[in-house]
Protein backbone atom coordinates (compact mmCIF):
# COMPACT_ATOMS: atom_id res chain seq x y z
CA MET A 1 16.94 -19.43 8.06
CA LYS A 2 15.39 -16.33 6.57
CA ASP A 3 16.57 -12.98 7.90
CA LEU A 4 13.94 -11.66 10.28
CA ILE A 5 13.80 -8.14 11.73
CA ALA A 6 12.19 -7.31 15.08
CA ALA A 7 10.55 -4.04 16.18
CA ILE A 8 9.50 -2.93 19.68
CA ASP A 9 7.03 -0.16 20.52
CA LEU A 10 7.13 0.81 24.22
CA GLY A 11 3.88 2.76 24.40
CA THR A 12 1.91 4.34 27.23
CA THR A 13 -1.07 1.98 26.96
CA LYS A 14 0.52 -1.07 25.36
CA VAL A 15 3.85 -2.67 24.51
CA VAL A 16 4.02 -4.14 21.01
CA VAL A 17 6.55 -6.54 19.49
CA ALA A 18 6.48 -7.37 15.76
CA VAL A 19 8.75 -9.52 13.61
CA GLY A 20 8.86 -9.38 9.83
CA GLU A 21 10.71 -10.47 6.73
CA LYS A 22 11.05 -8.97 3.24
CA THR A 23 9.33 -10.82 0.40
CA GLU A 24 8.68 -10.02 -3.25
CA LEU A 25 5.22 -8.72 -2.23
CA GLY A 26 6.47 -6.39 0.51
CA VAL A 27 7.09 -6.64 4.24
CA LYS A 28 5.53 -9.75 5.72
CA VAL A 29 4.74 -9.51 9.42
CA VAL A 30 5.20 -13.09 10.62
CA ALA A 31 4.57 -12.56 14.33
CA TYR A 32 2.82 -9.88 16.36
CA GLY A 33 2.13 -9.55 20.07
CA GLU A 34 0.98 -6.83 22.42
CA THR A 35 0.34 -6.52 26.13
CA PRO A 36 -0.90 -3.76 28.49
CA SER A 37 1.85 -1.32 29.33
CA LYS A 38 3.39 -0.87 32.77
CA GLY A 39 5.79 1.73 34.13
CA ILE A 40 5.41 4.04 31.11
CA LYS A 41 3.69 7.41 31.32
CA ARG A 42 3.20 9.90 28.48
CA GLY A 43 5.57 7.92 26.29
CA ARG A 44 8.38 7.97 28.85
CA ILE A 45 9.63 5.01 30.89
CA GLU A 46 9.37 5.84 34.59
CA ASN A 47 9.85 2.39 36.14
CA VAL A 48 12.30 0.12 34.34
CA ARG A 49 11.27 -3.01 36.26
CA PHE A 50 7.58 -2.63 35.39
CA ALA A 51 8.37 -1.76 31.77
CA HIS A 52 10.59 -4.84 31.57
CA GLN A 53 7.74 -7.03 32.86
CA ALA A 54 5.39 -5.74 30.16
CA LEU A 55 8.05 -6.18 27.48
CA GLN A 56 8.70 -9.75 28.62
CA GLU A 57 5.01 -10.61 28.24
CA ALA A 58 4.91 -9.23 24.69
CA LEU A 59 8.19 -10.93 23.80
CA LYS A 60 6.91 -14.25 25.10
CA LYS A 61 3.83 -14.06 22.87
CA VAL A 62 5.94 -13.44 19.78
CA GLU A 63 8.68 -15.92 20.65
CA ASN A 64 6.06 -18.63 21.20
CA GLN A 65 4.66 -17.93 17.73
CA LEU A 66 8.11 -18.21 16.15
CA ASN A 67 9.69 -20.74 18.49
CA MET A 68 12.65 -18.36 18.35
CA LYS A 69 14.24 -15.88 20.73
CA ILE A 70 14.55 -12.18 19.88
CA THR A 71 18.04 -10.79 20.51
CA LYS A 72 18.11 -7.51 18.51
CA ALA A 73 15.41 -5.00 17.58
CA PHE A 74 14.58 -1.58 16.21
CA VAL A 75 13.03 0.34 19.11
CA GLY A 76 10.74 3.35 19.00
CA ILE A 77 11.06 6.51 21.05
CA ALA A 78 8.44 9.20 21.64
CA GLY A 79 7.07 11.22 24.53
CA GLN A 80 7.36 14.72 25.86
CA ASP A 81 11.15 14.50 26.30
CA ILE A 82 11.60 14.75 22.52
CA LYS A 83 12.61 18.08 20.96
CA CYS A 84 12.75 19.18 17.33
CA ILE A 85 15.65 21.62 16.85
CA SER A 86 16.70 23.82 13.92
CA PRO A 87 20.42 24.56 14.43
CA GLU A 88 22.47 27.13 12.61
CA PRO A 89 23.47 25.99 9.09
CA PHE A 90 26.69 23.98 8.80
CA GLN A 91 29.24 25.60 6.48
CA ILE A 92 32.04 23.56 4.91
CA GLN A 93 34.84 24.82 2.68
CA ARG A 94 36.06 22.08 0.37
CA LYS A 95 39.80 21.69 -0.14
CA ASP A 96 39.50 19.66 -3.32
CA PHE A 97 36.87 21.90 -4.88
CA GLU A 98 37.68 20.85 -8.44
CA SER A 99 36.43 17.30 -7.78
CA LEU A 100 32.79 16.23 -7.65
CA ILE A 101 31.10 16.19 -4.26
CA LYS A 102 31.11 12.61 -2.97
CA GLU A 103 28.59 10.73 -0.87
CA GLU A 104 31.20 10.35 1.87
CA GLU A 105 31.50 14.13 2.26
CA ILE A 106 27.75 14.55 2.81
CA THR A 107 27.66 11.58 5.17
CA ASP A 108 30.47 13.07 7.26
CA ILE A 109 28.56 16.36 7.52
CA THR A 110 25.48 14.52 8.77
CA LYS A 111 27.48 12.46 11.25
CA GLY A 112 28.89 15.66 12.70
CA THR A 113 25.40 16.81 13.74
CA TYR A 114 25.12 13.89 16.16
CA ASN A 115 27.97 15.35 18.22
CA MET A 116 26.03 18.53 18.94
CA ILE A 117 24.73 19.16 22.45
CA PRO A 118 21.53 21.13 21.77
CA GLU A 119 20.73 21.57 25.45
CA ASP A 120 22.12 20.37 28.75
CA GLY A 121 20.99 16.78 29.38
CA TYR A 122 19.82 16.21 25.79
CA LYS A 123 21.35 14.03 23.09
CA VAL A 124 20.73 14.04 19.31
CA PHE A 125 19.44 10.66 18.15
CA TYR A 126 18.04 11.54 14.72
CA SER A 127 19.27 14.04 12.11
CA VAL A 128 17.34 14.92 8.95
CA PRO A 129 19.00 16.97 6.17
CA GLN A 130 16.65 19.67 4.87
CA SER A 131 18.55 21.28 2.02
CA TYR A 132 22.02 22.32 0.81
CA ASN A 133 23.50 25.43 -0.77
CA VAL A 134 26.42 24.69 -3.08
CA ASP A 135 28.12 28.00 -3.94
CA ASN A 136 25.38 29.96 -5.74
CA TYR A 137 22.99 27.00 -6.08
CA MET A 138 20.33 27.35 -3.39
CA SER A 139 18.05 24.78 -1.74
CA VAL A 140 19.64 21.78 -3.42
CA SER A 141 18.18 18.45 -2.30
CA GLU A 142 20.99 16.24 -3.69
CA PRO A 143 24.48 17.80 -3.73
CA VAL A 144 26.35 14.57 -4.57
CA GLY A 145 27.83 14.89 -8.06
CA MET A 146 27.94 18.71 -8.06
CA LEU A 147 31.00 20.96 -8.18
CA GLY A 148 31.56 23.66 -5.60
CA ARG A 149 33.88 25.33 -3.10
CA ASN A 150 31.39 25.80 -0.27
CA ILE A 151 28.57 23.66 1.09
CA VAL A 152 25.97 25.04 3.48
CA ALA A 153 23.81 22.32 5.02
CA ARG A 154 20.56 22.75 6.95
CA PHE A 155 19.23 20.10 9.32
CA LYS A 156 16.36 19.27 11.63
CA LEU A 157 17.69 17.55 14.73
CA PHE A 158 15.62 15.40 17.04
CA ALA A 159 16.96 15.16 20.57
CA SER A 160 15.87 13.35 23.70
CA LYS A 161 16.83 13.61 27.32
CA GLU A 162 19.75 11.30 27.92
CA ASN A 163 17.98 9.80 30.90
CA SER A 164 15.06 8.73 28.67
CA LEU A 165 17.46 6.98 26.33
CA ARG A 166 19.15 5.27 29.28
CA MET A 167 15.79 4.04 30.60
CA ILE A 168 14.95 2.50 27.22
CA LYS A 169 18.34 0.80 26.96
CA SER A 170 18.12 -0.47 30.54
CA THR A 171 14.68 -1.97 29.88
CA LEU A 172 16.01 -3.72 26.78
CA ALA A 173 19.15 -4.91 28.58
CA MET A 174 17.05 -6.62 31.24
CA SER A 175 15.44 -8.65 28.44
CA ASN A 176 18.81 -9.26 26.74
CA ILE A 177 17.74 -7.24 23.70
CA GLU A 178 20.35 -5.25 21.76
CA PRO A 179 18.91 -2.06 20.19
CA ILE A 180 19.85 -1.82 16.52
CA GLU A 181 18.54 1.73 16.26
CA ILE A 182 16.35 4.09 18.28
CA VAL A 183 13.67 5.28 15.83
CA LEU A 184 11.43 8.33 16.20
CA GLU A 185 7.96 6.77 16.51
CA PRO A 186 6.03 9.28 14.38
CA VAL A 187 8.52 8.58 11.58
CA SER A 188 7.68 4.88 11.90
CA SER A 189 3.96 5.59 11.86
CA ALA A 190 4.39 7.74 8.75
CA MET A 191 6.18 4.87 7.00
CA ALA A 192 3.16 2.67 7.68
CA VAL A 193 0.23 4.95 6.85
CA LEU A 194 1.36 7.72 4.48
CA THR A 195 1.60 7.15 0.75
CA ASP A 196 4.57 8.32 -1.32
CA ASP A 197 2.38 10.97 -2.95
CA GLU A 198 1.30 12.34 0.44
CA MET A 199 4.90 12.63 1.59
CA GLU A 200 5.85 14.41 -1.61
CA VAL A 201 3.08 17.01 -1.96
CA GLY A 202 2.85 17.76 1.77
CA SER A 203 0.91 16.18 4.62
CA VAL A 204 0.46 16.20 8.37
CA LEU A 205 0.53 12.95 10.32
CA VAL A 206 -1.15 12.97 13.74
CA ASP A 207 -0.44 9.87 15.85
CA ILE A 208 -2.83 9.87 18.83
CA GLY A 209 -1.40 7.54 21.43
CA GLY A 210 -2.46 6.86 24.98
CA GLY A 211 -0.24 9.42 26.71
CA THR A 212 0.85 11.80 23.95
CA THR A 213 -0.08 12.91 20.45
CA ASP A 214 2.74 13.14 17.90
CA VAL A 215 2.63 15.59 14.99
CA ILE A 216 4.90 15.28 11.98
CA VAL A 217 4.97 17.39 8.81
CA TYR A 218 6.23 16.01 5.49
CA HIS A 219 7.01 17.92 2.29
CA HIS A 220 9.04 16.81 -0.74
CA ASN A 221 9.58 13.44 0.98
CA ILE A 222 11.45 15.13 3.85
CA ILE A 223 10.47 15.42 7.51
CA ARG A 224 10.15 19.15 8.02
CA TYR A 225 8.90 19.26 11.60
CA ALA A 226 7.87 17.09 14.55
CA GLY A 227 6.09 18.08 17.74
CA ILE A 228 4.70 16.38 20.82
CA ILE A 229 1.36 17.19 22.51
CA PRO A 230 1.18 15.96 26.14
CA PHE A 231 -2.39 14.63 25.78
CA GLY A 232 -3.80 11.51 24.19
CA GLY A 233 -6.46 8.86 24.53
CA ASN A 234 -5.89 8.43 28.26
CA SER A 235 -6.79 12.09 28.81
CA VAL A 236 -10.16 11.45 27.19
CA THR A 237 -10.73 8.50 29.53
CA GLU A 238 -9.81 10.61 32.56
CA ASP A 239 -12.25 13.31 31.45
CA ILE A 240 -15.05 10.73 31.21
CA CYS A 241 -14.19 9.46 34.71
CA THR A 242 -14.46 12.98 36.13
CA GLY A 243 -17.44 14.14 34.09
CA CYS A 244 -19.57 11.03 34.62
CA GLY A 245 -18.32 9.97 38.05
CA ILE A 246 -17.39 6.42 36.98
CA SER A 247 -14.33 4.19 37.24
CA ALA A 248 -11.50 4.31 34.75
CA LYS A 249 -12.31 0.77 33.62
CA ASN A 250 -15.93 1.64 32.81
CA ALA A 251 -14.89 4.94 31.25
CA GLU A 252 -12.56 3.12 28.84
CA ILE A 253 -15.28 0.61 27.95
CA ILE A 254 -17.94 3.18 27.11
CA LYS A 255 -15.40 5.35 25.27
CA LYS A 256 -14.56 2.47 22.94
CA SER A 257 -18.13 1.18 22.63
CA TYR A 258 -20.19 4.38 22.44
CA GLY A 259 -17.72 7.25 22.21
CA CYS A 260 -18.35 9.82 19.48
CA SER A 261 -15.92 12.71 19.10
CA PHE A 262 -18.40 15.02 17.33
CA SER A 263 -21.55 15.60 19.40
CA ASP A 264 -23.53 16.66 16.31
CA TYR A 265 -23.43 13.01 15.24
CA ALA A 266 -24.28 11.48 18.64
CA ASP A 267 -27.66 9.76 19.07
CA PRO A 268 -29.74 12.01 21.39
CA SER A 269 -32.04 9.12 22.35
CA LEU A 270 -29.29 6.69 23.35
CA LYS A 271 -28.73 6.16 27.08
CA ILE A 272 -25.83 4.16 28.46
CA VAL A 273 -26.29 2.25 31.72
CA ILE A 274 -23.20 1.75 33.89
CA PRO A 275 -23.39 -0.89 36.64
CA GLY A 276 -23.06 0.56 40.13
CA ILE A 277 -19.97 -0.03 42.24
CA GLY A 278 -20.53 -2.00 45.45
CA ALA A 279 -23.86 -0.99 46.98
CA GLY A 280 -24.24 1.94 44.60
CA SER A 281 -27.06 2.04 42.11
CA ASN A 282 -26.64 1.89 38.35
CA LYS A 283 -25.65 5.11 36.61
CA GLU A 284 -27.29 6.32 33.41
CA ILE A 285 -25.38 8.48 30.94
CA GLN A 286 -26.72 10.05 27.77
CA ALA A 287 -24.63 9.43 24.64
CA LYS A 288 -24.89 13.13 23.81
CA THR A 289 -23.34 14.06 27.17
CA LEU A 290 -20.55 11.51 26.68
CA SER A 291 -19.86 12.90 23.22
CA ARG A 292 -19.58 16.49 24.49
CA ILE A 293 -16.94 15.40 27.02
CA ILE A 294 -14.93 13.60 24.35
CA GLN A 295 -15.29 16.44 21.85
CA ALA A 296 -13.97 19.05 24.30
CA ARG A 297 -10.70 17.16 24.79
CA MET A 298 -10.28 16.22 21.12
CA GLU A 299 -10.84 19.84 20.07
CA GLU A 300 -8.04 20.84 22.46
CA ILE A 301 -5.71 18.26 20.90
CA LEU A 302 -6.61 19.28 17.34
CA GLU A 303 -6.11 22.96 18.13
CA ALA A 304 -2.65 22.08 19.46
CA VAL A 305 -2.01 20.24 16.18
CA CYS A 306 -2.85 23.46 14.31
CA TRP A 307 -0.38 25.37 16.48
CA HIS A 308 2.40 22.91 15.66
CA VAL A 309 1.63 23.10 11.94
CA GLU A 310 1.92 26.90 12.16
CA GLN A 311 5.24 26.54 14.00
CA SER A 312 6.58 24.28 11.28
CA GLY A 313 6.39 27.06 8.71
CA PHE A 314 5.00 24.63 6.14
CA LYS A 315 1.28 25.14 6.57
CA ASP A 316 0.85 26.59 3.08
CA THR A 317 2.69 23.64 1.48
CA ILE A 318 0.36 20.96 2.83
CA ARG A 319 -1.64 19.83 -0.19
CA SER A 320 -2.83 16.34 0.75
CA GLY A 321 -4.32 17.16 4.13
CA MET A 322 -4.07 15.33 7.44
CA VAL A 323 -3.84 11.65 8.39
CA LEU A 324 -4.88 10.44 11.86
CA THR A 325 -3.53 7.20 13.28
CA GLY A 326 -2.84 5.54 16.64
CA GLY A 327 -5.34 4.12 19.12
CA GLY A 328 -7.03 7.49 19.67
CA ALA A 329 -7.88 7.72 15.97
CA LYS A 330 -10.47 4.95 16.38
CA LEU A 331 -12.98 7.32 17.99
CA ASN A 332 -16.14 7.62 15.91
CA ASN A 333 -16.44 10.69 13.64
CA LEU A 334 -12.98 11.99 14.56
CA SER A 335 -12.11 12.77 10.94
CA ASN A 336 -15.26 14.91 10.70
CA LEU A 337 -14.24 16.86 13.79
CA ALA A 338 -10.69 17.27 12.46
CA ASP A 339 -12.02 18.64 9.17
CA PHE A 340 -14.07 21.18 11.11
CA VAL A 341 -11.38 22.27 13.59
CA THR A 342 -8.25 22.26 11.40
CA GLY A 343 -9.62 23.04 7.95
CA PHE A 344 -7.59 20.15 6.47
CA GLU A 345 -9.16 17.24 4.64
CA THR A 346 -8.64 14.32 6.98
CA ARG A 347 -8.57 10.55 6.76
CA ILE A 348 -7.90 7.73 9.22
CA GLY A 349 -4.59 5.99 8.52
CA GLU A 350 -4.18 2.22 8.82
CA PRO A 351 -1.03 0.36 7.71
CA ASN A 352 -0.61 0.71 3.95
CA THR A 353 -1.42 -2.51 2.11
CA MET A 354 0.92 -1.43 -0.71
CA GLU A 355 3.88 -1.89 1.65
CA LEU A 356 2.76 -5.16 3.23
CA ASP A 357 2.69 -8.76 2.08
CA PRO A 358 -0.95 -9.94 2.14
CA GLY A 359 0.22 -13.08 3.92
CA SER A 360 1.03 -11.11 7.08
CA CYS A 361 -0.38 -12.28 10.40
CA ASP A 362 -3.66 -11.06 11.90
CA GLY A 363 -3.96 -7.89 13.98
CA ILE A 364 -1.68 -5.58 12.02
CA MET A 365 -4.23 -3.80 9.82
CA ASP A 366 -5.21 -1.45 12.61
CA THR A 367 -4.28 2.08 13.62
CA THR A 368 -2.93 0.75 16.94
CA ALA A 369 -0.32 -1.34 15.09
CA ALA A 370 0.92 1.47 12.84
CA THR A 371 4.08 2.30 14.83
CA ALA A 372 5.42 -1.24 15.15
CA VAL A 373 4.57 -2.16 11.55
CA GLY A 374 6.08 1.11 10.35
CA MET A 375 9.31 0.32 12.16
CA LEU A 376 9.64 -2.90 10.17
CA ILE A 377 9.01 -1.02 6.90
CA TYR A 378 11.58 1.60 7.99
CA ALA A 379 14.12 -1.11 8.83
CA PHE A 380 13.90 -2.88 5.47
CA LYS A 381 13.99 0.39 3.53
CA LYS A 382 17.07 1.45 5.49
CA MET A 383 18.76 -1.86 4.71
CA GLU A 384 17.94 -1.47 1.01
CA TYR A 385 18.93 2.18 0.64
CA GLU A 386 22.09 2.00 2.73
CA ASN A 387 23.07 -1.47 1.52
CA LEU A 388 23.07 -2.79 5.08
CA VAL A 389 22.88 -6.39 6.21
CA ILE A 390 21.31 -7.00 9.61
CA THR A 391 21.32 -10.58 10.83
CA ASP A 392 20.72 -12.60 13.98
CA CYS A 393 17.79 -10.55 15.25
CA VAL A 394 16.22 -13.84 16.27
CA LYS A 395 17.79 -17.12 17.27
CA ASP A 396 16.39 -20.61 17.10
CA ILE A 397 15.46 -21.89 20.56
CA ARG A 398 14.15 -25.30 19.54
CA GLU A 399 15.76 -28.21 21.35
CA PRO A 400 18.28 -30.08 19.20
CA GLU A 401 17.60 -33.76 18.77
CA LYS A 402 19.15 -35.95 21.44
CA THR A 403 21.77 -38.43 20.31
CA GLU A 404 21.19 -42.11 20.91
CA GLU A 405 22.14 -43.39 24.32
CA ILE A 406 24.93 -45.97 24.10
CA GLU A 407 25.14 -48.95 26.41
CA GLU A 408 28.40 -49.26 28.28
CA THR A 409 29.79 -51.60 30.88
CA VAL A 410 31.44 -50.16 33.97
CA VAL A 411 33.85 -52.46 35.74
CA ILE A 412 34.30 -51.87 39.46
CA LYS A 413 37.03 -53.47 41.49
CA THR A 414 36.56 -54.72 45.01
CA GLY A 415 39.33 -55.70 47.32
CA ASN A 416 38.94 -59.53 47.18
CA ASN A 417 40.31 -62.39 44.99
CA SER A 418 41.32 -60.76 41.72
CA SER A 419 44.85 -61.18 40.45
CA ASN A 420 45.36 -57.40 40.77
CA GLY A 421 44.03 -57.44 44.27
CA GLY A 422 40.31 -57.24 43.75
CA SER A 423 37.25 -58.93 42.24
CA GLU A 424 35.33 -57.60 39.26
CA SER A 425 31.69 -56.63 39.39
CA LYS A 426 29.95 -55.77 36.09
CA LYS A 427 27.62 -52.78 36.34
CA GLU A 428 25.26 -52.13 33.44
CA GLY A 429 24.49 -48.48 32.75
CA LYS A 430 23.76 -45.84 30.07
CA LYS A 431 25.84 -42.88 29.14
CA GLY A 432 23.96 -40.06 27.41
CA ARG A 433 25.83 -38.01 24.81
CA GLY A 434 22.98 -35.61 23.99
CA TRP A 435 22.48 -31.94 24.87
CA LEU A 436 21.78 -32.84 28.50
CA SER A 437 25.11 -34.59 28.86
CA GLY A 438 26.56 -33.76 32.24
CA ILE A 439 23.25 -32.96 33.97
CA GLY A 440 19.99 -34.72 34.72
CA LYS A 441 19.31 -37.81 32.67
CA GLY A 442 22.53 -37.39 30.72
CA LEU A 443 24.53 -38.58 33.73
CA LYS A 444 25.74 -42.16 33.92
CA LYS A 445 23.30 -44.33 35.80
CA VAL A 446 24.92 -47.10 37.83
CA THR A 447 22.74 -49.52 39.80
CA LYS A 448 24.18 -50.54 43.12
CA GLU A 449 24.69 -54.25 43.58
CA VAL A 450 25.70 -56.22 46.67
CA LEU A 451 28.60 -58.65 46.61
CA ASP A 452 29.34 -60.82 49.57
CA GLY A 453 26.63 -59.01 51.49
CA GLU A 454 28.26 -55.55 51.04
CA SER A 455 27.32 -52.53 48.96
CA LEU A 456 29.86 -51.65 46.37
CA PHE A 457 29.63 -48.06 47.63
CA SER A 458 30.49 -47.55 51.23
CA SER A 459 29.36 -44.41 53.02
CA ASP A 460 32.76 -42.80 52.69
CA SER A 461 33.48 -43.80 49.06
CA ASN A 462 32.97 -41.75 45.90
CA GLU A 463 30.45 -42.77 43.23
CA VAL A 464 32.03 -43.95 40.00
């Protein structure tokens, strides 16, 4: 069986499960399933039981496609409990300074960052080296192979509240899923939608989810900064509910069908009719009014993106502009609004066809699938770069073939005229040796017969 890798995205609006394999043409997504989310708010699990129910539904869809059971997975983490931290540089004095710096030395330095406690109740789950100073050589990106007495290492640490991590692991445990690695979701999305050139020359990825918007800054192929904005697509829906006086269901429908994030492009003559609730009359909404409501919230989100880019300290290094992805990026004319508000050239990011096998299943070439697909790309790259082998993410659940049933004769003694004190009665039956042996139809079947007017099995006897 080919080695398959599974990825799980526990999002605010939907739970996604994807399974892929590595081929000569790239990552092939062989199964994909999603279901409406439950028990998750602003990227954080609040009710483990509800989250488990949603995960089970998504797992069932994928497992039915594969006829296999998922047992291990890469799992995404996001939400407002995530912090990006810049700790003090790590300084190491080498004892054997006349030897070349080895990979193991740098790995040990990185591992040490995971033991930091950045804040009470937080735990580091992702550490990204930024640069190294080796003696008088400054801002070195690859110290392995150099000579030096002192190494100064700078990192960006990503930490989450320990309770958030526990909630994720508890949700997975209820579905008997072992987490291979907890992956920062904007990193996964970047793997799916950013090109190598964009990561190198500098870019901003904005992943607009249902509950939160994730911002990540890349430069020289290194994650330089990540931030979380506590608003997303659901905030737009709530604004439409309040501004138009309609239900959340209808607000979501008209947002997806008629929503325009830049009112300058909205059709002033278009009127949207919403069916009344109960005895209420129909409600009429102008597309221009709807667009103004959407634009107000999206401008707020984009202005927050600008603030995070300023905080990163890498604004002046961003040469390739901004990429928008996630479900919220599907709003009409959003890239035009982003150009206007942020000053960056902007495009909408769907999973990169250069990374994917064209034989992948339907539904993955969409901004809403970017995180799950990106996790698979991340997983296979990690396996390649770190020479890792990850197996048994899925297990075959097909029924094995049943073995042939073999006829056997059961001889039962009765206490009459036999030479050993009883008569023989031949009972024909079948003994199953298949996978059901011991239960159900695998049990021996013995038909009762009557000899001399008596049942072979009295009320107080045991069945043979």
